[in-house]
Amino acid sequence: MAQLLIRNLPEPVKEELRERARDNGRSLEAEVRKILVDLVAASHEDPVLSWLGSSERFRSHHGGVDLHLPERQAPRPVDFE
């Protein structure tokens, strides 16, 4: 496998990558590798399948969304005349 050295990476970016790696149970190196492989592979995927995959990752990372639904009301009468 090839090796890649990244210089002058901003410290906040490195910290965010460390947090992502920790959250995903991976080393920093493994997390960056996964991000790069997924990004390159995604450019060759069906865009709909790619969107579905990213949506699933978003939901699994951020949880669901609670929507406020209004109470149901009686239907309005319809006059067909």
PDB file of N, CA and C in Angstrom:
ATOM      1  N   MET A   1       0.831  -1.184   0.000  1.00  0.00           N
ATOM      2  CA  MET A   1       0.000   0.000   0.000  1.00  0.00           C
ATOM      3  C   MET A   1       0.873   1.243   0.000  1.00  0.00           C
ATOM      4  N   ALA A   2       0.326   2.303  -0.532  1.00  0.00           N
ATOM      5  CA  ALA A   2       1.040   3.579  -0.600  1.00  0.00           C
ATOM      6  C   ALA A   2       0.935   4.312   0.729  1.00  0.00           C
ATOM      7  N   GLN A   3       1.880   5.215   0.946  1.00  0.00           N
ATOM      8  CA  GLN A   3       1.851   6.058   2.139  1.00  0.00           C
ATOM      9  C   GLN A   3       1.657   7.496   1.704  1.00  0.00           C
ATOM     10  N   LEU A   4       1.078   8.307   2.597  1.00  0.00           N
ATOM     11  CA  LEU A   4       0.806   9.699   2.305  1.00  0.00           C
ATOM     12  C   LEU A   4       1.138  10.523   3.539  1.00  0.00           C
ATOM     13  N   LEU A   5       1.892  11.588   3.356  1.00  0.00           N
ATOM     14  CA  LEU A   5       2.239  12.494   4.442  1.00  0.00           C
ATOM     15  C   LEU A   5       1.498  13.795   4.199  1.00  0.00           C
ATOM     16  N   ILE A   6       0.779  14.267   5.190  1.00  0.00           N
ATOM     17  CA  ILE A   6       0.042  15.528   5.063  1.00  0.00           C
ATOM     18  C   ILE A   6       0.685  16.538   5.999  1.00  0.00           C
ATOM     19  N   ARG A   7       1.204  17.606   5.421  1.00  0.00           N
ATOM     20  CA  ARG A   7       1.856  18.654   6.213  1.00  0.00           C
ATOM     21  C   ARG A   7       0.918  19.829   6.406  1.00  0.00           C
ATOM     22  N   ASN A   8       1.183  20.585   7.468  1.00  0.00           N
ATOM     23  CA  ASN A   8       0.475  21.837   7.744  1.00  0.00           C
ATOM     24  C   ASN A   8      -1.038  21.668   7.871  1.00  0.00           C
ATOM     25  N   LEU A   9      -1.455  20.559   8.448  1.00  0.00           N
ATOM     26  CA  LEU A   9      -2.871  20.331   8.707  1.00  0.00           C
ATOM     27  C   LEU A   9      -3.270  21.200   9.894  1.00  0.00           C
ATOM     28  N   PRO A  10      -4.302  22.023   9.751  1.00  0.00           N
ATOM     29  CA  PRO A  10      -4.704  22.872  10.879  1.00  0.00           C
ATOM     30  C   PRO A  10      -5.052  22.030  12.113  1.00  0.00           C
ATOM     31  N   GLU A  11      -4.637  22.511  13.269  1.00  0.00           N
ATOM     32  CA  GLU A  11      -4.852  21.778  14.519  1.00  0.00           C
ATOM     33  C   GLU A  11      -6.329  21.459  14.777  1.00  0.00           C
ATOM     34  N   PRO A  12      -7.275  22.401  14.523  1.00  0.00           N
ATOM     35  CA  PRO A  12      -8.691  22.060  14.735  1.00  0.00           C
ATOM     36  C   PRO A  12      -9.160  20.888  13.871  1.00  0.00           C
ATOM     37  N   VAL A  13      -8.629  20.792  12.668  1.00  0.00           N
ATOM     38  CA  VAL A  13      -8.999  19.672  11.789  1.00  0.00           C
ATOM     39  C   VAL A  13      -8.473  18.361  12.371  1.00  0.00           C
ATOM     40  N   LYS A  14      -7.239  18.392  12.842  1.00  0.00           N
ATOM     41  CA  LYS A  14      -6.647  17.194  13.437  1.00  0.00           C
ATOM     42  C   LYS A  14      -7.439  16.761  14.667  1.00  0.00           C
ATOM     43  N   GLU A  15      -7.850  17.721  15.490  1.00  0.00           N
ATOM     44  CA  GLU A  15      -8.632  17.386  16.689  1.00  0.00           C
ATOM     45  C   GLU A  15      -9.988  16.793  16.323  1.00  0.00           C
ATOM     46  N   GLU A  16     -10.630  17.357  15.307  1.00  0.00           N
ATOM     47  CA  GLU A  16     -11.922  16.819  14.864  1.00  0.00           C
ATOM     48  C   GLU A  16     -11.765  15.393  14.344  1.00  0.00           C
ATOM     49  N   LEU A  17     -10.690  15.144  13.618  1.00  0.00           N
ATOM     50  CA  LEU A  17     -10.426  13.781  13.134  1.00  0.00           C
ATOM     51  C   LEU A  17     -10.180  12.827  14.297  1.00  0.00           C
ATOM     52  N   ARG A  18      -9.453  13.298  15.311  1.00  0.00           N
ATOM     53  CA  ARG A  18      -9.227  12.463  16.503  1.00  0.00           C
ATOM     54  C   ARG A  18     -10.542  12.112  17.190  1.00  0.00           C
ATOM     55  N   GLU A  19     -11.435  13.104  17.312  1.00  0.00           N
ATOM     56  CA  GLU A  19     -12.736  12.851  17.944  1.00  0.00           C
ATOM     57  C   GLU A  19     -13.555  11.861  17.131  1.00  0.00           C
ATOM     58  N   ARG A  20     -13.561  12.035  15.810  1.00  0.00           N
ATOM     59  CA  ARG A  20     -14.292  11.089  14.953  1.00  0.00           C
ATOM     60  C   ARG A  20     -13.731   9.684  15.101  1.00  0.00           C
ATOM     61  N   ALA A  21     -12.401   9.583  15.130  1.00  0.00           N
ATOM     62  CA  ALA A  21     -11.759   8.276  15.271  1.00  0.00           C
ATOM     63  C   ALA A  21     -12.160   7.636  16.597  1.00  0.00           C
ATOM     64  N   ARG A  22     -12.116   8.416  17.666  1.00  0.00           N
ATOM     65  CA  ARG A  22     -12.487   7.897  18.979  1.00  0.00           C
ATOM     66  C   ARG A  22     -13.947   7.440  18.983  1.00  0.00           C
ATOM     67  N   ASP A  23     -14.841   8.271  18.416  1.00  0.00           N
ATOM     68  CA  ASP A  23     -16.267   7.933  18.377  1.00  0.00           C
ATOM     69  C   ASP A  23     -16.529   6.658  17.576  1.00  0.00           C
ATOM     70  N   ASN A  24     -15.692   6.402  16.561  1.00  0.00           N
ATOM     71  CA  ASN A  24     -15.874   5.230  15.706  1.00  0.00           C
ATOM     72  C   ASN A  24     -15.003   4.046  16.120  1.00  0.00           C
ATOM     73  N   GLY A  25     -14.260   4.201  17.215  1.00  0.00           N
ATOM     74  CA  GLY A  25     -13.441   3.101  17.708  1.00  0.00           C
ATOM     75  C   GLY A  25     -12.273   2.762  16.803  1.00  0.00           C
ATOM     76  N   ARG A  26     -11.712   3.783  16.149  1.00  0.00           N
ATOM     77  CA  ARG A  26     -10.587   3.560  15.249  1.00  0.00           C
ATOM     78  C   ARG A  26      -9.417   4.449  15.654  1.00  0.00           C
ATOM     79  N   SER A  27      -8.250   4.116  15.135  1.00  0.00           N
ATOM     80  CA  SER A  27      -7.091   4.989  15.310  1.00  0.00           C
ATOM     81  C   SER A  27      -7.268   6.189  14.383  1.00  0.00           C
ATOM     82  N   LEU A  28      -6.497   7.235  14.641  1.00  0.00           N
ATOM     83  CA  LEU A  28      -6.542   8.415  13.781  1.00  0.00           C
ATOM     84  C   LEU A  28      -6.208   8.029  12.341  1.00  0.00           C
ATOM     85  N   GLU A  29      -5.174   7.215  12.185  1.00  0.00           N
ATOM     86  CA  GLU A  29      -4.768   6.781  10.845  1.00  0.00           C
ATOM     87  C   GLU A  29      -5.879   6.000  10.151  1.00  0.00           C
ATOM     88  N   ALA A  30      -6.511   5.079  10.865  1.00  0.00           N
ATOM     89  CA  ALA A  30      -7.583   4.272  10.276  1.00  0.00           C
ATOM     90  C   ALA A  30      -8.784   5.145   9.913  1.00  0.00           C
ATOM     91  N   GLU A  31      -9.078   6.144  10.732  1.00  0.00           N
ATOM     92  CA  GLU A  31     -10.213   7.035  10.449  1.00  0.00           C
ATOM     93  C   GLU A  31      -9.957   7.845   9.183  1.00  0.00           C
ATOM     94  N   VAL A  32      -8.769   8.417   9.066  1.00  0.00           N
ATOM     95  CA  VAL A  32      -8.436   9.204   7.876  1.00  0.00           C
ATOM     96  C   VAL A  32      -8.442   8.313   6.637  1.00  0.00           C
ATOM     97  N   ARG A  33      -7.921   7.097   6.762  1.00  0.00           N
ATOM     98  CA  ARG A  33      -7.926   6.162   5.637  1.00  0.00           C
ATOM     99  C   ARG A  33      -9.360   5.872   5.192  1.00  0.00           C
ATOM    100  N   LYS A  34     -10.243   5.614   6.153  1.00  0.00           N
ATOM    101  CA  LYS A  34     -11.640   5.317   5.817  1.00  0.00           C
ATOM    102  C   LYS A  34     -12.299   6.500   5.129  1.00  0.00           C
ATOM    103  N   ILE A  35     -12.061   7.698   5.638  1.00  0.00           N
ATOM    104  CA  ILE A  35     -12.644   8.899   5.029  1.00  0.00           C
ATOM    105  C   ILE A  35     -12.190   9.033   3.582  1.00  0.00           C
ATOM    106  N   LEU A  36     -10.888   8.875   3.338  1.00  0.00           N
ATOM    107  CA  LEU A  36     -10.360   9.019   1.985  1.00  0.00           C
ATOM    108  C   LEU A  36     -10.880   7.930   1.049  1.00  0.00           C
ATOM    109  N   VAL A  37     -10.880   6.686   1.509  1.00  0.00           N
ATOM    110  CA  VAL A  37     -11.368   5.585   0.674  1.00  0.00           C
ATOM    111  C   VAL A  37     -12.851   5.778   0.356  1.00  0.00           C
ATOM    112  N   ASP A  38     -13.648   6.135   1.362  1.00  0.00           N
ATOM    113  CA  ASP A  38     -15.080   6.353   1.134  1.00  0.00           C
ATOM    114  C   ASP A  38     -15.323   7.507   0.166  1.00  0.00           C
ATOM    115  N   LEU A  39     -14.549   8.560   0.301  1.00  0.00           N
ATOM    116  CA  LEU A  39     -14.714   9.721  -0.565  1.00  0.00           C
ATOM    117  C   LEU A  39     -14.399   9.382  -2.021  1.00  0.00           C
ATOM    118  N   VAL A  40     -13.306   8.684  -2.243  1.00  0.00           N
ATOM    119  CA  VAL A  40     -12.930   8.319  -3.614  1.00  0.00           C
ATOM    120  C   VAL A  40     -13.925   7.308  -4.178  1.00  0.00           C
ATOM    121  N   ALA A  41     -14.310   6.330  -3.378  1.00  0.00           N
ATOM    122  CA  ALA A  41     -15.271   5.318  -3.838  1.00  0.00           C
ATOM    123  C   ALA A  41     -16.619   5.957  -4.145  1.00  0.00           C
ATOM    124  N   ALA A  42     -17.012   6.959  -3.365  1.00  0.00           N
ATOM    125  CA  ALA A  42     -18.305   7.609  -3.563  1.00  0.00           C
ATOM    126  C   ALA A  42     -18.370   8.331  -4.901  1.00  0.00           C
ATOM    127  N   SER A  43     -17.234   8.789  -5.397  1.00  0.00           N
ATOM    128  CA  SER A  43     -17.248   9.501  -6.670  1.00  0.00           C
ATOM    129  C   SER A  43     -17.560   8.562  -7.838  1.00  0.00           C
ATOM    130  N   HIS A  44     -17.503   7.237  -7.605  1.00  0.00           N
ATOM    131  CA  HIS A  44     -17.795   6.265  -8.650  1.00  0.00           C
ATOM    132  C   HIS A  44     -19.121   5.542  -8.409  1.00  0.00           C
ATOM    133  N   GLU A  45     -19.851   5.957  -7.387  1.00  0.00           N
ATOM    134  CA  GLU A  45     -21.096   5.279  -7.044  1.00  0.00           C
ATOM    135  C   GLU A  45     -22.296   5.941  -7.693  1.00  0.00           C
ATOM    136  N   ASP A  46     -23.390   5.225  -7.673  1.00  0.00           N
ATOM    137  CA  ASP A  46     -24.671   5.778  -8.074  1.00  0.00           C
ATOM    138  C   ASP A  46     -25.006   6.913  -7.104  1.00  0.00           C
ATOM    139  N   PRO A  47     -25.336   8.101  -7.589  1.00  0.00           N
ATOM    140  CA  PRO A  47     -25.580   9.228  -6.684  1.00  0.00           C
ATOM    141  C   PRO A  47     -26.728   8.993  -5.702  1.00  0.00           C
ATOM    142  N   VAL A  48     -27.745   8.267  -6.118  1.00  0.00           N
ATOM    143  CA  VAL A  48     -28.871   7.997  -5.210  1.00  0.00           C
ATOM    144  C   VAL A  48     -28.421   7.075  -4.082  1.00  0.00           C
ATOM    145  N   LEU A  49     -27.672   6.025  -4.413  1.00  0.00           N
ATOM    146  CA  LEU A  49     -27.188   5.119  -3.375  1.00  0.00           C
ATOM    147  C   LEU A  49     -26.209   5.834  -2.445  1.00  0.00           C
ATOM    148  N   SER A  50     -25.415   6.706  -2.997  1.00  0.00           N
ATOM    149  CA  SER A  50     -24.481   7.481  -2.190  1.00  0.00           C
ATOM    150  C   SER A  50     -25.238   8.378  -1.211  1.00  0.00           C
ATOM    151  N   TRP A  51     -26.283   9.040  -1.702  1.00  0.00           N
ATOM    152  CA  TRP A  51     -27.090   9.907  -0.847  1.00  0.00           C
ATOM    153  C   TRP A  51     -27.771   9.092   0.260  1.00  0.00           C
ATOM    154  N   LEU A  52     -28.291   7.935  -0.094  1.00  0.00           N
ATOM    155  CA  LEU A  52     -28.935   7.089   0.914  1.00  0.00           C
ATOM    156  C   LEU A  52     -27.937   6.666   1.985  1.00  0.00           C
ATOM    157  N   GLY A  53     -26.733   6.320   1.581  1.00  0.00           N
ATOM    158  CA  GLY A  53     -25.702   5.926   2.539  1.00  0.00           C
ATOM    159  C   GLY A  53     -25.313   7.071   3.456  1.00  0.00           C
ATOM    160  N   SER A  54     -25.142   8.268   2.898  1.00  0.00           N
ATOM    161  CA  SER A  54     -24.772   9.405   3.735  1.00  0.00           C
ATOM    162  C   SER A  54     -25.921   9.786   4.666  1.00  0.00           C
ATOM    163  N   SER A  55     -27.149   9.632   4.199  1.00  0.00           N
ATOM    164  CA  SER A  55     -28.305   9.910   5.058  1.00  0.00           C
ATOM    165  C   SER A  55     -28.338   8.950   6.242  1.00  0.00           C
ATOM    166  N   GLU A  56     -28.068   7.683   5.976  1.00  0.00           N
ATOM    167  CA  GLU A  56     -28.059   6.681   7.046  1.00  0.00           C
ATOM    168  C   GLU A  56     -26.946   6.973   8.045  1.00  0.00           C
ATOM    169  N   ARG A  57     -25.770   7.355   7.543  1.00  0.00           N
ATOM    170  CA  ARG A  57     -24.667   7.698   8.449  1.00  0.00           C
ATOM    171  C   ARG A  57     -25.024   8.911   9.292  1.00  0.00           C
ATOM    172  N   PHE A  58     -25.675   9.899   8.695  1.00  0.00           N
ATOM    173  CA  PHE A  58     -26.085  11.088   9.434  1.00  0.00           C
ATOM    174  C   PHE A  58     -27.064  10.717  10.540  1.00  0.00           C
ATOM    175  N   ARG A  59     -28.071   9.895  10.195  1.00  0.00           N
ATOM    176  CA  ARG A  59     -29.066   9.501  11.204  1.00  0.00           C
ATOM    177  C   ARG A  59     -28.430   8.684  12.320  1.00  0.00           C
ATOM    178  N   SER A  60     -27.514   7.796  11.978  1.00  0.00           N
ATOM    179  CA  SER A  60     -26.899   6.970  13.016  1.00  0.00           C
ATOM    180  C   SER A  60     -25.991   7.812  13.916  1.00  0.00           C
ATOM    181  N   HIS A  61     -25.391   8.856  13.369  1.00  0.00           N
ATOM    182  CA  HIS A  61     -24.504   9.711  14.166  1.00  0.00           C
ATOM    183  C   HIS A  61     -25.290  10.725  14.999  1.00  0.00           C
ATOM    184  N   HIS A  62     -26.344  11.299  14.424  1.00  0.00           N
ATOM    185  CA  HIS A  62     -27.081  12.380  15.090  1.00  0.00           C
ATOM    186  C   HIS A  62     -28.411  11.943  15.688  1.00  0.00           C
ATOM    187  N   GLY A  63     -28.819  10.725  15.449  1.00  0.00           N
ATOM    188  CA  GLY A  63     -30.088  10.253  15.985  1.00  0.00           C
ATOM    189  C   GLY A  63     -31.252  10.710  15.118  1.00  0.00           C
ATOM    190  N   GLY A  64     -32.432  10.360  15.543  1.00  0.00           N
ATOM    191  CA  GLY A  64     -33.628  10.717  14.790  1.00  0.00           C
ATOM    192  C   GLY A  64     -34.047  12.149  15.043  1.00  0.00           C
ATOM    193  N   VAL A  65     -35.126  12.517  14.425  1.00  0.00           N
ATOM    194  CA  VAL A  65     -35.677  13.857  14.579  1.00  0.00           C
ATOM    195  C   VAL A  65     -37.108  13.715  15.067  1.00  0.00           C
ATOM    196  N   ASP A  66     -37.453  14.439  16.124  1.00  0.00           N
ATOM    197  CA  ASP A  66     -38.822  14.448  16.615  1.00  0.00           C
ATOM    198  C   ASP A  66     -39.564  15.609  15.970  1.00  0.00           C
ATOM    199  N   LEU A  67     -40.641  15.283  15.290  1.00  0.00           N
ATOM    200  CA  LEU A  67     -41.439  16.306  14.637  1.00  0.00           C
ATOM    201  C   LEU A  67     -42.708  16.536  15.432  1.00  0.00           C
ATOM    202  N   HIS A  68     -43.089  17.788  15.550  1.00  0.00           N
ATOM    203  CA  HIS A  68     -44.354  18.111  16.209  1.00  0.00           C
ATOM    204  C   HIS A  68     -45.463  17.976  15.183  1.00  0.00           C
ATOM    205  N   LEU A  69     -46.399  17.077  15.438  1.00  0.00           N
ATOM    206  CA  LEU A  69     -47.534  16.888  14.541  1.00  0.00           C
ATOM    207  C   LEU A  69     -48.777  17.482  15.188  1.00  0.00           C
ATOM    208  N   PRO A  70     -49.509  18.324  14.461  1.00  0.00           N
ATOM    209  CA  PRO A  70     -50.710  18.915  15.043  1.00  0.00           C
ATOM    210  C   PRO A  70     -51.789  17.855  15.257  1.00  0.00           C
ATOM    211  N   GLU A  71     -52.690  18.139  16.169  1.00  0.00           N
ATOM    212  CA  GLU A  71     -53.806  17.227  16.430  1.00  0.00           C
ATOM    213  C   GLU A  71     -54.679  17.132  15.183  1.00  0.00           C
ATOM    214  N   ARG A  72     -55.196  15.948  14.960  1.00  0.00           N
ATOM    215  CA  ARG A  72     -56.106  15.771  13.817  1.00  0.00           C
ATOM    216  C   ARG A  72     -57.425  16.465  14.114  1.00  0.00           C
ATOM    217  N   GLN A  73     -57.998  17.016  13.073  1.00  0.00           N
ATOM    218  CA  GLN A  73     -59.291  17.672  13.203  1.00  0.00           C
ATOM    219  C   GLN A  73     -60.272  17.007  12.264  1.00  0.00           C
ATOM    220  N   ALA A  74     -61.561  17.259  12.502  1.00  0.00           N
ATOM    221  CA  ALA A  74     -62.590  16.683  11.645  1.00  0.00           C
ATOM    222  C   ALA A  74     -62.436  17.248  10.235  1.00  0.00           C
ATOM    223  N   PRO A  75     -62.699  16.421   9.235  1.00  0.00           N
ATOM    224  CA  PRO A  75     -62.574  16.925   7.866  1.00  0.00           C
ATOM    225  C   PRO A  75     -63.599  18.033   7.589  1.00  0.00           C
ATOM    226  N   ARG A  76     -63.220  18.946   6.718  1.00  0.00           N
ATOM    227  CA  ARG A  76     -64.135  20.018   6.343  1.00  0.00           C
ATOM    228  C   ARG A  76     -65.204  19.452   5.396  1.00  0.00           C
ATOM    229  N   PRO A  77     -66.405  19.952   5.513  1.00  0.00           N
ATOM    230  CA  PRO A  77     -67.451  19.480   4.599  1.00  0.00           C
ATOM    231  C   PRO A  77     -67.149  19.940   3.164  1.00  0.00           C
ATOM    232  N   VAL A  78     -67.509  19.090   2.203  1.00  0.00           N
ATOM    233  CA  VAL A  78     -67.278  19.409   0.803  1.00  0.00           C
ATOM    234  C   VAL A  78     -68.626  19.536   0.129  1.00  0.00           C
ATOM    235  N   ASP A  79     -68.808  20.621  -0.608  1.00  0.00           N
ATOM    236  CA  ASP A  79     -70.053  20.847  -1.339  1.00  0.00           C
ATOM    237  C   ASP A  79     -69.770  20.635  -2.814  1.00  0.00           C
ATOM    238  N   PHE A  80     -70.358  19.589  -3.411  1.00  0.00           N
ATOM    239  CA  PHE A  80     -70.103  19.264  -4.803  1.00  0.00           C
ATOM    240  C   PHE A  80     -71.101  19.923  -5.753  1.00  0.00           C
ATOM    241  N   GLU A  81     -71.937  20.791  -5.249  1.00  0.00           N
ATOM    242  CA  GLU A  81     -72.937  21.422  -6.121  1.00  0.00           C
ATOM    243  C   GLU A  81     -72.407  22.628  -6.799  1.00  0.00           C
TER     244      GLU A  81
END
